[in-house]
PDB file of all heavy atoms in Angstrom:
ATOM      1  N   ALA A   1      -2.599   5.590   0.445  1.00  0.00           N
ATOM      2  CA  ALA A   1      -2.785   5.034   1.788  1.00  0.00           C
ATOM      3  C   ALA A   1      -3.330   3.607   1.702  1.00  0.00           C
ATOM      4  O   ALA A   1      -2.932   2.734   2.472  1.00  0.00           O
ATOM      5  CB  ALA A   1      -3.727   5.920   2.598  1.00  0.00           C
ATOM      6  N   PHE A   2      -4.218   3.381   0.756  1.00  0.00           N
ATOM      7  CA  PHE A   2      -4.749   2.026   0.554  1.00  0.00           C
ATOM      8  C   PHE A   2      -3.636   1.059   0.143  1.00  0.00           C
ATOM      9  O   PHE A   2      -3.525  -0.048   0.685  1.00  0.00           O
ATOM     10  CB  PHE A   2      -5.851   2.051  -0.515  1.00  0.00           C
ATOM     11  CG  PHE A   2      -6.279   0.691  -0.957  1.00  0.00           C
ATOM     12  CD1 PHE A   2      -7.082  -0.093  -0.155  1.00  0.00           C
ATOM     13  CD2 PHE A   2      -5.859   0.182  -2.175  1.00  0.00           C
ATOM     14  CE1 PHE A   2      -7.479  -1.353  -0.549  1.00  0.00           C
ATOM     15  CE2 PHE A   2      -6.239  -1.075  -2.581  1.00  0.00           C
ATOM     16  CZ  PHE A   2      -7.050  -1.857  -1.771  1.00  0.00           C
ATOM     17  N   ILE A   3      -2.794   1.481  -0.792  1.00  0.00           N
ATOM     18  CA  ILE A   3      -1.687   0.632  -1.250  1.00  0.00           C
ATOM     19  C   ILE A   3      -0.720   0.361  -0.094  1.00  0.00           C
ATOM     20  O   ILE A   3      -0.279  -0.778   0.111  1.00  0.00           O
ATOM     21  CB  ILE A   3      -0.948   1.297  -2.432  1.00  0.00           C
ATOM     22  CG1 ILE A   3      -1.871   1.433  -3.638  1.00  0.00           C
ATOM     23  CG2 ILE A   3       0.320   0.545  -2.801  1.00  0.00           C
ATOM     24  CD1 ILE A   3      -2.349   0.123  -4.216  1.00  0.00           C
ATOM     25  N   ALA A   4      -0.387   1.404   0.677  1.00  0.00           N
ATOM     26  CA  ALA A   4       0.543   1.226   1.802  1.00  0.00           C
ATOM     27  C   ALA A   4      -0.040   0.275   2.838  1.00  0.00           C
ATOM     28  O   ALA A   4       0.680  -0.564   3.402  1.00  0.00           O
ATOM     29  CB  ALA A   4       0.859   2.576   2.437  1.00  0.00           C
ATOM     30  N   THR A   5      -1.334   0.362   3.087  1.00  0.00           N
ATOM     31  CA  THR A   5      -1.976  -0.545   4.045  1.00  0.00           C
ATOM     32  C   THR A   5      -1.946  -1.973   3.529  1.00  0.00           C
ATOM     33  O   THR A   5      -1.704  -2.917   4.296  1.00  0.00           O
ATOM     34  CB  THR A   5      -3.423  -0.093   4.313  1.00  0.00           C
ATOM     35  OG1 THR A   5      -3.400   1.260   4.763  1.00  0.00           O
ATOM     36  CG2 THR A   5      -4.092  -0.965   5.349  1.00  0.00           C
ATOM     37  N   ALA A   6      -2.184  -2.150   2.233  1.00  0.00           N
ATOM     38  CA  ALA A   6      -2.133  -3.498   1.651  1.00  0.00           C
ATOM     39  C   ALA A   6      -0.735  -4.083   1.762  1.00  0.00           C
ATOM     40  O   ALA A   6      -0.570  -5.281   2.053  1.00  0.00           O
ATOM     41  CB  ALA A   6      -2.583  -3.450   0.187  1.00  0.00           C
ATOM     42  N   VAL A   7       0.291  -3.260   1.556  1.00  0.00           N
ATOM     43  CA  VAL A   7       1.676  -3.741   1.680  1.00  0.00           C
ATOM     44  C   VAL A   7       1.964  -4.175   3.111  1.00  0.00           C
ATOM     45  O   VAL A   7       2.617  -5.195   3.355  1.00  0.00           O
ATOM     46  CB  VAL A   7       2.672  -2.642   1.222  1.00  0.00           C
ATOM     47  CG1 VAL A   7       4.089  -2.968   1.643  1.00  0.00           C
ATOM     48  CG2 VAL A   7       2.592  -2.459  -0.279  1.00  0.00           C
ATOM     49  N   VAL A   8       1.448  -3.424   4.077  1.00  0.00           N
ATOM     50  CA  VAL A   8       1.690  -3.753   5.479  1.00  0.00           C
ATOM     51  C   VAL A   8       0.990  -5.060   5.865  1.00  0.00           C
ATOM     52  O   VAL A   8       1.524  -5.867   6.619  1.00  0.00           O
ATOM     53  CB  VAL A   8       1.224  -2.591   6.390  1.00  0.00           C
ATOM     54  CG1 VAL A   8       1.208  -3.002   7.845  1.00  0.00           C
ATOM     55  CG2 VAL A   8       2.133  -1.388   6.190  1.00  0.00           C
ATOM     56  N   VAL A   9      -0.186  -5.278   5.332  1.00  0.00           N
ATOM     57  CA  VAL A   9      -0.967  -6.462   5.702  1.00  0.00           C
ATOM     58  C   VAL A   9      -0.300  -7.747   5.216  1.00  0.00           C
ATOM     59  O   VAL A   9      -0.309  -8.755   5.916  1.00  0.00           O
ATOM     60  CB  VAL A   9      -2.406  -6.349   5.147  1.00  0.00           C
ATOM     61  CG1 VAL A   9      -3.163  -7.653   5.270  1.00  0.00           C
ATOM     62  CG2 VAL A   9      -3.137  -5.233   5.860  1.00  0.00           C
ATOM     63  N   PHE A  10       0.272  -7.707   4.041  1.00  0.00           N
ATOM     64  CA  PHE A  10       0.870  -8.925   3.486  1.00  0.00           C
ATOM     65  C   PHE A  10       2.343  -8.997   3.877  1.00  0.00           C
ATOM     66  O   PHE A  10       3.152  -8.157   3.498  1.00  0.00           O
ATOM     67  CB  PHE A  10       0.697  -8.962   1.965  1.00  0.00           C
ATOM     68  CG  PHE A  10      -0.744  -8.989   1.557  1.00  0.00           C
ATOM     69  CD1 PHE A  10      -1.350  -7.857   1.030  1.00  0.00           C
ATOM     70  CD2 PHE A  10      -1.508 -10.136   1.743  1.00  0.00           C
ATOM     71  CE1 PHE A  10      -2.681  -7.868   0.668  1.00  0.00           C
ATOM     72  CE2 PHE A  10      -2.846 -10.155   1.390  1.00  0.00           C
ATOM     73  CZ  PHE A  10      -3.446  -9.029   0.853  1.00  0.00           C
ATOM     74  N   ASN A  11       2.700 -10.054   4.640  1.00  0.00           N
ATOM     75  CA  ASN A  11       4.051 -10.193   5.187  1.00  0.00           C
ATOM     76  C   ASN A  11       5.123 -10.267   4.108  1.00  0.00           C
ATOM     77  O   ASN A  11       6.198  -9.703   4.282  1.00  0.00           O
ATOM     78  CB  ASN A  11       4.138 -11.438   6.075  1.00  0.00           C
ATOM     79  CG  ASN A  11       3.611 -11.169   7.465  1.00  0.00           C
ATOM     80  OD1 ASN A  11       3.578 -10.026   7.908  1.00  0.00           O
ATOM     81  ND2 ASN A  11       3.201 -12.224   8.145  1.00  0.00           N
ATOM     82  N   LYS A  12       4.861 -10.974   3.006  1.00  0.00           N
ATOM     83  CA  LYS A  12       5.891 -11.143   1.974  1.00  0.00           C
ATOM     84  C   LYS A  12       6.288  -9.791   1.385  1.00  0.00           C
ATOM     85  O   LYS A  12       7.470  -9.503   1.232  1.00  0.00           O
ATOM     86  CB  LYS A  12       5.398 -12.077   0.866  1.00  0.00           C
ATOM     87  CG  LYS A  12       5.434 -13.529   1.237  1.00  0.00           C
ATOM     88  CD  LYS A  12       5.096 -14.388   0.045  1.00  0.00           C
ATOM     89  CE  LYS A  12       5.164 -15.856   0.423  1.00  0.00           C
ATOM     90  NZ  LYS A  12       4.891 -16.719  -0.703  1.00  0.00           N
ATOM     91  N   SER A  13       5.315  -8.968   1.056  1.00  0.00           N
ATOM     92  CA  SER A  13       5.650  -7.669   0.461  1.00  0.00           C
ATOM     93  C   SER A  13       6.314  -6.753   1.497  1.00  0.00           C
ATOM     94  O   SER A  13       7.250  -6.027   1.176  1.00  0.00           O
ATOM     95  CB  SER A  13       4.399  -7.000  -0.113  1.00  0.00           C
ATOM     96  OG  SER A  13       3.444  -6.811   0.908  1.00  0.00           O
ATOM     97  N   PHE A  14       5.871  -6.824   2.738  1.00  0.00           N
ATOM     98  CA  PHE A  14       6.462  -5.987   3.782  1.00  0.00           C
ATOM     99  C   PHE A  14       7.915  -6.386   4.032  1.00  0.00           C
ATOM    100  O   PHE A  14       8.789  -5.535   4.143  1.00  0.00           O
ATOM    101  CB  PHE A  14       5.636  -6.098   5.067  1.00  0.00           C
ATOM    102  CG  PHE A  14       6.003  -5.060   6.092  1.00  0.00           C
ATOM    103  CD1 PHE A  14       5.458  -3.793   6.014  1.00  0.00           C
ATOM    104  CD2 PHE A  14       6.888  -5.346   7.112  1.00  0.00           C
ATOM    105  CE1 PHE A  14       5.795  -2.824   6.944  1.00  0.00           C
ATOM    106  CE2 PHE A  14       7.230  -4.391   8.042  1.00  0.00           C
ATOM    107  CZ  PHE A  14       6.680  -3.118   7.959  1.00  0.00           C
ATOM    108  N   LYS A  15       8.170  -7.710   4.110  1.00  0.00           N
ATOM    109  CA  LYS A  15       9.538  -8.187   4.339  1.00  0.00           C
ATOM    110  C   LYS A  15      10.433  -7.889   3.143  1.00  0.00           C
ATOM    111  O   LYS A  15      11.617  -7.621   3.309  1.00  0.00           O
ATOM    112  CB  LYS A  15       9.530  -9.683   4.634  1.00  0.00           C
ATOM    113  CG  LYS A  15       9.043 -10.002   6.028  1.00  0.00           C
ATOM    114  CD  LYS A  15       9.104 -11.496   6.301  1.00  0.00           C
ATOM    115  CE  LYS A  15       8.656 -11.788   7.718  1.00  0.00           C
ATOM    116  NZ  LYS A  15       8.723 -13.222   8.022  1.00  0.00           N
ATOM    117  N   ALA A  16       9.854  -7.889   1.943  1.00  0.00           N
ATOM    118  CA  ALA A  16      10.657  -7.572   0.757  1.00  0.00           C
ATOM    119  C   ALA A  16      11.117  -6.119   0.791  1.00  0.00           C
ATOM    120  O   ALA A  16      12.216  -5.800   0.336  1.00  0.00           O
ATOM    121  CB  ALA A  16       9.848  -7.845  -0.509  1.00  0.00           C
ATOM    122  N   ILE A  17      10.299  -5.250   1.342  1.00  0.00           N
ATOM    123  CA  ILE A  17      10.648  -3.827   1.396  1.00  0.00           C
ATOM    124  C   ILE A  17      11.547  -3.527   2.585  1.00  0.00           C
ATOM    125  O   ILE A  17      12.543  -2.809   2.458  1.00  0.00           O
ATOM    126  CB  ILE A  17       9.370  -2.964   1.452  1.00  0.00           C
ATOM    127  CG1 ILE A  17       8.590  -3.108   0.150  1.00  0.00           C
ATOM    128  CG2 ILE A  17       9.698  -1.502   1.716  1.00  0.00           C
ATOM    129  CD1 ILE A  17       7.206  -2.500   0.172  1.00  0.00           C
ATOM    130  N   PHE A  18      11.214  -4.049   3.760  1.00  0.00           N
ATOM    131  CA  PHE A  18      11.921  -3.680   4.993  1.00  0.00           C
ATOM    132  C   PHE A  18      12.953  -4.698   5.456  1.00  0.00           C
ATOM    133  O   PHE A  18      13.587  -4.510   6.489  1.00  0.00           O
ATOM    134  CB  PHE A  18      10.907  -3.417   6.109  1.00  0.00           C
ATOM    135  CG  PHE A  18      10.080  -2.180   5.859  1.00  0.00           C
ATOM    136  CD1 PHE A  18       8.813  -2.269   5.333  1.00  0.00           C
ATOM    137  CD2 PHE A  18      10.608  -0.932   6.135  1.00  0.00           C
ATOM    138  CE1 PHE A  18       8.061  -1.136   5.084  1.00  0.00           C
ATOM    139  CE2 PHE A  18       9.863   0.208   5.886  1.00  0.00           C
ATOM    140  CZ  PHE A  18       8.593   0.113   5.366  1.00  0.00           C
ATOM    141  N   GLY A  19      13.120  -5.792   4.747  1.00  0.00           N
ATOM    142  CA  GLY A  19      14.157  -6.770   5.081  1.00  0.00           C
ATOM    143  C   GLY A  19      13.577  -8.068   5.596  1.00  0.00           C
ATOM    144  O   GLY A  19      12.550  -8.089   6.272  1.00  0.00           O
ATOM    145  N   GLU A  20      14.279  -9.143   5.265  1.00  0.00           N
ATOM    146  CA  GLU A  20      13.833 -10.490   5.628  1.00  0.00           C
ATOM    147  C   GLU A  20      14.223 -10.868   7.050  1.00  0.00           C
ATOM    148  O   GLU A  20      13.649 -11.779   7.623  1.00  0.00           O
ATOM    149  CB  GLU A  20      14.444 -11.519   4.655  1.00  0.00           C
ATOM    150  CG  GLU A  20      13.975 -11.412   3.232  1.00  0.00           C
ATOM    151  CD  GLU A  20      12.578 -11.965   3.039  1.00  0.00           C
ATOM    152  OE1 GLU A  20      12.124 -12.799   3.842  1.00  0.00           O
ATOM    153  OE2 GLU A  20      11.926 -11.542   2.066  1.00  0.00           O
ATOM    154  N   ASP A  21      15.179 -10.177   7.641  1.00  0.00           N
ATOM    155  CA  ASP A  21      15.722 -10.604   8.927  1.00  0.00           C
ATOM    156  C   ASP A  21      15.004 -10.001  10.129  1.00  0.00           C
ATOM    157  O   ASP A  21      15.538 -10.018  11.233  1.00  0.00           O
ATOM    158  CB  ASP A  21      17.221 -10.291   8.978  1.00  0.00           C
ATOM    159  CG  ASP A  21      17.500  -8.825   8.751  1.00  0.00           C
ATOM    160  OD1 ASP A  21      16.606  -8.114   8.243  1.00  0.00           O
ATOM    161  OD2 ASP A  21      18.609  -8.373   9.079  1.00  0.00           O
ATOM    162  N   LEU A  22      13.794  -9.495   9.957  1.00  0.00           N
ATOM    163  CA  LEU A  22      13.046  -8.932  11.077  1.00  0.00           C
ATOM    164  C   LEU A  22      12.427 -10.056  11.907  1.00  0.00           C
ATOM    165  O   LEU A  22      11.823 -10.988  11.374  1.00  0.00           O
ATOM    166  CB  LEU A  22      11.925  -8.019  10.582  1.00  0.00           C
ATOM    167  CG  LEU A  22      12.359  -6.729   9.887  1.00  0.00           C
ATOM    168  CD1 LEU A  22      11.141  -6.013   9.332  1.00  0.00           C
ATOM    169  CD2 LEU A  22      13.100  -5.833  10.854  1.00  0.00           C
ATOM    170  N   GLY A  23      12.589  -9.962  13.215  1.00  0.00           N
ATOM    171  CA  GLY A  23      11.953 -10.927  14.100  1.00  0.00           C
ATOM    172  C   GLY A  23      10.471 -10.586  14.260  1.00  0.00           C
ATOM    173  O   GLY A  23       9.995  -9.554  13.763  1.00  0.00           O
ATOM    174  N   PRO A  24       9.699 -11.431  14.949  1.00  0.00           N
ATOM    175  CA  PRO A  24       8.270 -11.191  15.086  1.00  0.00           C
ATOM    176  C   PRO A  24       7.932  -9.866  15.778  1.00  0.00           C
ATOM    177  O   PRO A  24       7.026  -9.154  15.363  1.00  0.00           O
ATOM    178  CB  PRO A  24       7.766 -12.373  15.907  1.00  0.00           C
ATOM    179  CG  PRO A  24       8.886 -13.329  16.041  1.00  0.00           C
ATOM    180  CD  PRO A  24      10.120 -12.662  15.570  1.00  0.00           C
ATOM    181  N   GLU A  25       8.695  -9.524  16.813  1.00  0.00           N
ATOM    182  CA  GLU A  25       8.422  -8.268  17.518  1.00  0.00           C
ATOM    183  C   GLU A  25       8.805  -7.054  16.669  1.00  0.00           C
ATOM    184  O   GLU A  25       8.067  -6.079  16.591  1.00  0.00           O
ATOM    185  CB  GLU A  25       9.176  -8.226  18.850  1.00  0.00           C
ATOM    186  CG  GLU A  25       8.548  -9.071  19.918  1.00  0.00           C
ATOM    187  CD  GLU A  25       9.266  -8.888  21.256  1.00  0.00           C
ATOM    188  OE1 GLU A  25       9.817  -7.801  21.497  1.00  0.00           O
ATOM    189  OE2 GLU A  25       9.265  -9.851  22.031  1.00  0.00           O
ATOM    190  N   ALA A  26       9.953  -7.130  16.027  1.00  0.00           N
ATOM    191  CA  ALA A  26      10.399  -6.032  15.165  1.00  0.00           C
ATOM    192  C   ALA A  26       9.450  -5.869  13.979  1.00  0.00           C
ATOM    193  O   ALA A  26       9.131  -4.743  13.574  1.00  0.00           O
ATOM    194  CB  ALA A  26      11.822  -6.267  14.678  1.00  0.00           C
ATOM    195  N   LEU A  27       8.983  -6.974  13.441  1.00  0.00           N
ATOM    196  CA  LEU A  27       8.044  -6.926  12.317  1.00  0.00           C
ATOM    197  C   LEU A  27       6.753  -6.232  12.733  1.00  0.00           C
ATOM    198  O   LEU A  27       6.252  -5.342  12.028  1.00  0.00           O
ATOM    199  CB  LEU A  27       7.750  -8.344  11.822  1.00  0.00           C
ATOM    200  CG  LEU A  27       6.805  -8.459  10.636  1.00  0.00           C
ATOM    201  CD1 LEU A  27       7.429  -7.840   9.400  1.00  0.00           C
ATOM    202  CD2 LEU A  27       6.449  -9.921  10.373  1.00  0.00           C
ATOM    203  N   ALA A  28       6.217  -6.587  13.892  1.00  0.00           N
ATOM    204  CA  ALA A  28       4.979  -5.963  14.383  1.00  0.00           C
ATOM    205  C   ALA A  28       5.194  -4.477  14.662  1.00  0.00           C
ATOM    206  O   ALA A  28       4.354  -3.644  14.306  1.00  0.00           O
ATOM    207  CB  ALA A  28       4.503  -6.685  15.645  1.00  0.00           C
ATOM    208  N   THR A  29       6.335  -4.137  15.271  1.00  0.00           N
ATOM    209  CA  THR A  29       6.631  -2.735  15.570  1.00  0.00           C
ATOM    210  C   THR A  29       6.758  -1.920  14.292  1.00  0.00           C
ATOM    211  O   THR A  29       6.218  -0.817  14.186  1.00  0.00           O
ATOM    212  CB  THR A  29       7.936  -2.632  16.390  1.00  0.00           C
ATOM    213  OG1 THR A  29       7.806  -3.428  17.565  1.00  0.00           O
ATOM    214  CG2 THR A  29       8.240  -1.203  16.752  1.00  0.00           C
ATOM    215  N   HIS A  30       7.450  -2.441  13.304  1.00  0.00           N
ATOM    216  CA  HIS A  30       7.615  -1.740  12.032  1.00  0.00           C
ATOM    217  C   HIS A  30       6.271  -1.562  11.323  1.00  0.00           C
ATOM    218  O   HIS A  30       6.005  -0.513  10.726  1.00  0.00           O
ATOM    219  CB  HIS A  30       8.593  -2.494  11.131  1.00  0.00           C
ATOM    220  CG  HIS A  30      10.024  -2.280  11.490  1.00  0.00           C
ATOM    221  ND1 HIS A  30      10.605  -2.856  12.593  1.00  0.00           N
ATOM    222  CD2 HIS A  30      10.990  -1.546  10.890  1.00  0.00           C
ATOM    223  CE1 HIS A  30      11.877  -2.499  12.663  1.00  0.00           C
ATOM    224  NE2 HIS A  30      12.137  -1.696  11.637  1.00  0.00           N
ATOM    225  N   LYS A  31       5.437  -2.605  11.378  1.00  0.00           N
ATOM    226  CA  LYS A  31       4.119  -2.509  10.737  1.00  0.00           C
ATOM    227  C   LYS A  31       3.266  -1.419  11.382  1.00  0.00           C
ATOM    228  O   LYS A  31       2.633  -0.627  10.691  1.00  0.00           O
ATOM    229  CB  LYS A  31       3.386  -3.862  10.797  1.00  0.00           C
ATOM    230  CG  LYS A  31       3.867  -4.853   9.798  1.00  0.00           C
ATOM    231  CD  LYS A  31       2.985  -6.087   9.833  1.00  0.00           C
ATOM    232  CE  LYS A  31       3.370  -7.032   8.728  1.00  0.00           C
ATOM    233  NZ  LYS A  31       2.419  -8.137   8.606  1.00  0.00           N
ATOM    234  N   VAL A  32       3.258  -1.383  12.704  1.00  0.00           N
ATOM    235  CA  VAL A  32       2.484  -0.361  13.411  1.00  0.00           C
ATOM    236  C   VAL A  32       3.023   1.030  13.076  1.00  0.00           C
ATOM    237  O   VAL A  32       2.253   1.965  12.813  1.00  0.00           O
ATOM    238  CB  VAL A  32       2.497  -0.616  14.936  1.00  0.00           C
ATOM    239  CG1 VAL A  32       1.947   0.571  15.698  1.00  0.00           C
ATOM    240  CG2 VAL A  32       1.705  -1.869  15.264  1.00  0.00           C
ATOM    241  N   ALA A  33       4.340   1.164  13.057  1.00  0.00           N
ATOM    242  CA  ALA A  33       4.944   2.466  12.747  1.00  0.00           C
ATOM    243  C   ALA A  33       4.565   2.922  11.338  1.00  0.00           C
ATOM    244  O   ALA A  33       4.240   4.096  11.119  1.00  0.00           O
ATOM    245  CB  ALA A  33       6.458   2.390  12.903  1.00  0.00           C
ATOM    246  N   VAL A  34       4.616   2.008  10.381  1.00  0.00           N
ATOM    247  CA  VAL A  34       4.265   2.367   8.999  1.00  0.00           C
ATOM    248  C   VAL A  34       2.784   2.737   8.911  1.00  0.00           C
ATOM    249  O   VAL A  34       2.419   3.730   8.266  1.00  0.00           O
ATOM    250  CB  VAL A  34       4.625   1.218   8.028  1.00  0.00           C
ATOM    251  CG1 VAL A  34       4.012   1.449   6.650  1.00  0.00           C
ATOM    252  CG2 VAL A  34       6.128   1.076   7.913  1.00  0.00           C
ATOM    253  N   LEU A  35       1.926   1.965   9.549  1.00  0.00           N
ATOM    254  CA  LEU A  35       0.486   2.280   9.513  1.00  0.00           C
ATOM    255  C   LEU A  35       0.187   3.632  10.151  1.00  0.00           C
ATOM    256  O   LEU A  35      -0.593   4.422   9.615  1.00  0.00           O
ATOM    257  CB  LEU A  35      -0.319   1.182  10.199  1.00  0.00           C
ATOM    258  CG  LEU A  35      -0.589  -0.059   9.372  1.00  0.00           C
ATOM    259  CD1 LEU A  35      -1.333  -1.100  10.202  1.00  0.00           C
ATOM    260  CD2 LEU A  35      -1.400   0.281   8.133  1.00  0.00           C
ATOM    261  N   VAL A  36       0.808   3.912  11.294  1.00  0.00           N
ATOM    262  CA  VAL A  36       0.587   5.201  11.954  1.00  0.00           C
ATOM    263  C   VAL A  36       1.088   6.343  11.058  1.00  0.00           C
ATOM    264  O   VAL A  36       0.424   7.371  10.913  1.00  0.00           O
ATOM    265  CB  VAL A  36       1.268   5.229  13.339  1.00  0.00           C
ATOM    266  CG1 VAL A  36       1.324   6.633  13.904  1.00  0.00           C
ATOM    267  CG2 VAL A  36       0.532   4.302  14.295  1.00  0.00           C
ATOM    268  N   ALA A  37       2.249   6.158  10.433  1.00  0.00           N
ATOM    269  CA  ALA A  37       2.790   7.193   9.544  1.00  0.00           C
ATOM    270  C   ALA A  37       1.875   7.418   8.342  1.00  0.00           C
ATOM    271  O   ALA A  37       1.634   8.560   7.932  1.00  0.00           O
ATOM    272  CB  ALA A  37       4.190   6.810   9.090  1.00  0.00           C
ATOM    273  N   VAL A  38       1.342   6.351   7.782  1.00  0.00           N
ATOM    274  CA  VAL A  38       0.439   6.471   6.622  1.00  0.00           C
ATOM    275  C   VAL A  38      -0.840   7.186   7.029  1.00  0.00           C
ATOM    276  O   VAL A  38      -1.316   8.094   6.329  1.00  0.00           O
ATOM    277  CB  VAL A  38       0.137   5.070   6.029  1.00  0.00           C
ATOM    278  CG1 VAL A  38      -1.031   5.121   5.066  1.00  0.00           C
ATOM    279  CG2 VAL A  38       1.369   4.516   5.346  1.00  0.00           C
ATOM    280  N   ILE A  39      -1.402   6.811   8.162  1.00  0.00           N
ATOM    281  CA  ILE A  39      -2.639   7.453   8.627  1.00  0.00           C
ATOM    282  C   ILE A  39      -2.386   8.927   8.929  1.00  0.00           C
ATOM    283  O   ILE A  39      -3.177   9.795   8.560  1.00  0.00           O
ATOM    284  CB  ILE A  39      -3.196   6.711   9.860  1.00  0.00           C
ATOM    285  CG1 ILE A  39      -3.714   5.338   9.454  1.00  0.00           C
ATOM    286  CG2 ILE A  39      -4.299   7.522  10.527  1.00  0.00           C
ATOM    287  CD1 ILE A  39      -4.036   4.427  10.617  1.00  0.00           C
ATOM    288  N   ALA A  40      -1.275   9.242   9.579  1.00  0.00           N
ATOM    289  CA  ALA A  40      -0.955  10.631   9.899  1.00  0.00           C
ATOM    290  C   ALA A  40      -0.747  11.455   8.630  1.00  0.00           C
ATOM    291  O   ALA A  40      -1.224  12.586   8.526  1.00  0.00           O
ATOM    292  CB  ALA A  40       0.286  10.697  10.788  1.00  0.00           C
ATOM    293  N   ALA A  41      -0.048  10.892   7.660  1.00  0.00           N
ATOM    294  CA  ALA A  41       0.182  11.623   6.405  1.00  0.00           C
ATOM    295  C   ALA A  41      -1.136  11.863   5.675  1.00  0.00           C
ATOM    296  O   ALA A  41      -1.394  12.969   5.183  1.00  0.00           O
ATOM    297  CB  ALA A  41       1.151  10.844   5.523  1.00  0.00           C
TER     298      ALA A  41
END
């Protein structure tokens, strides 16, 4: 969970995993979704 949170916080690593073509809103939505999924798991 710590590693997943660190990946979400840093934009370069997050974009490398989920794609470079995410807009600002999509990027924020994806980050929130990943954080919620990590916390729930």
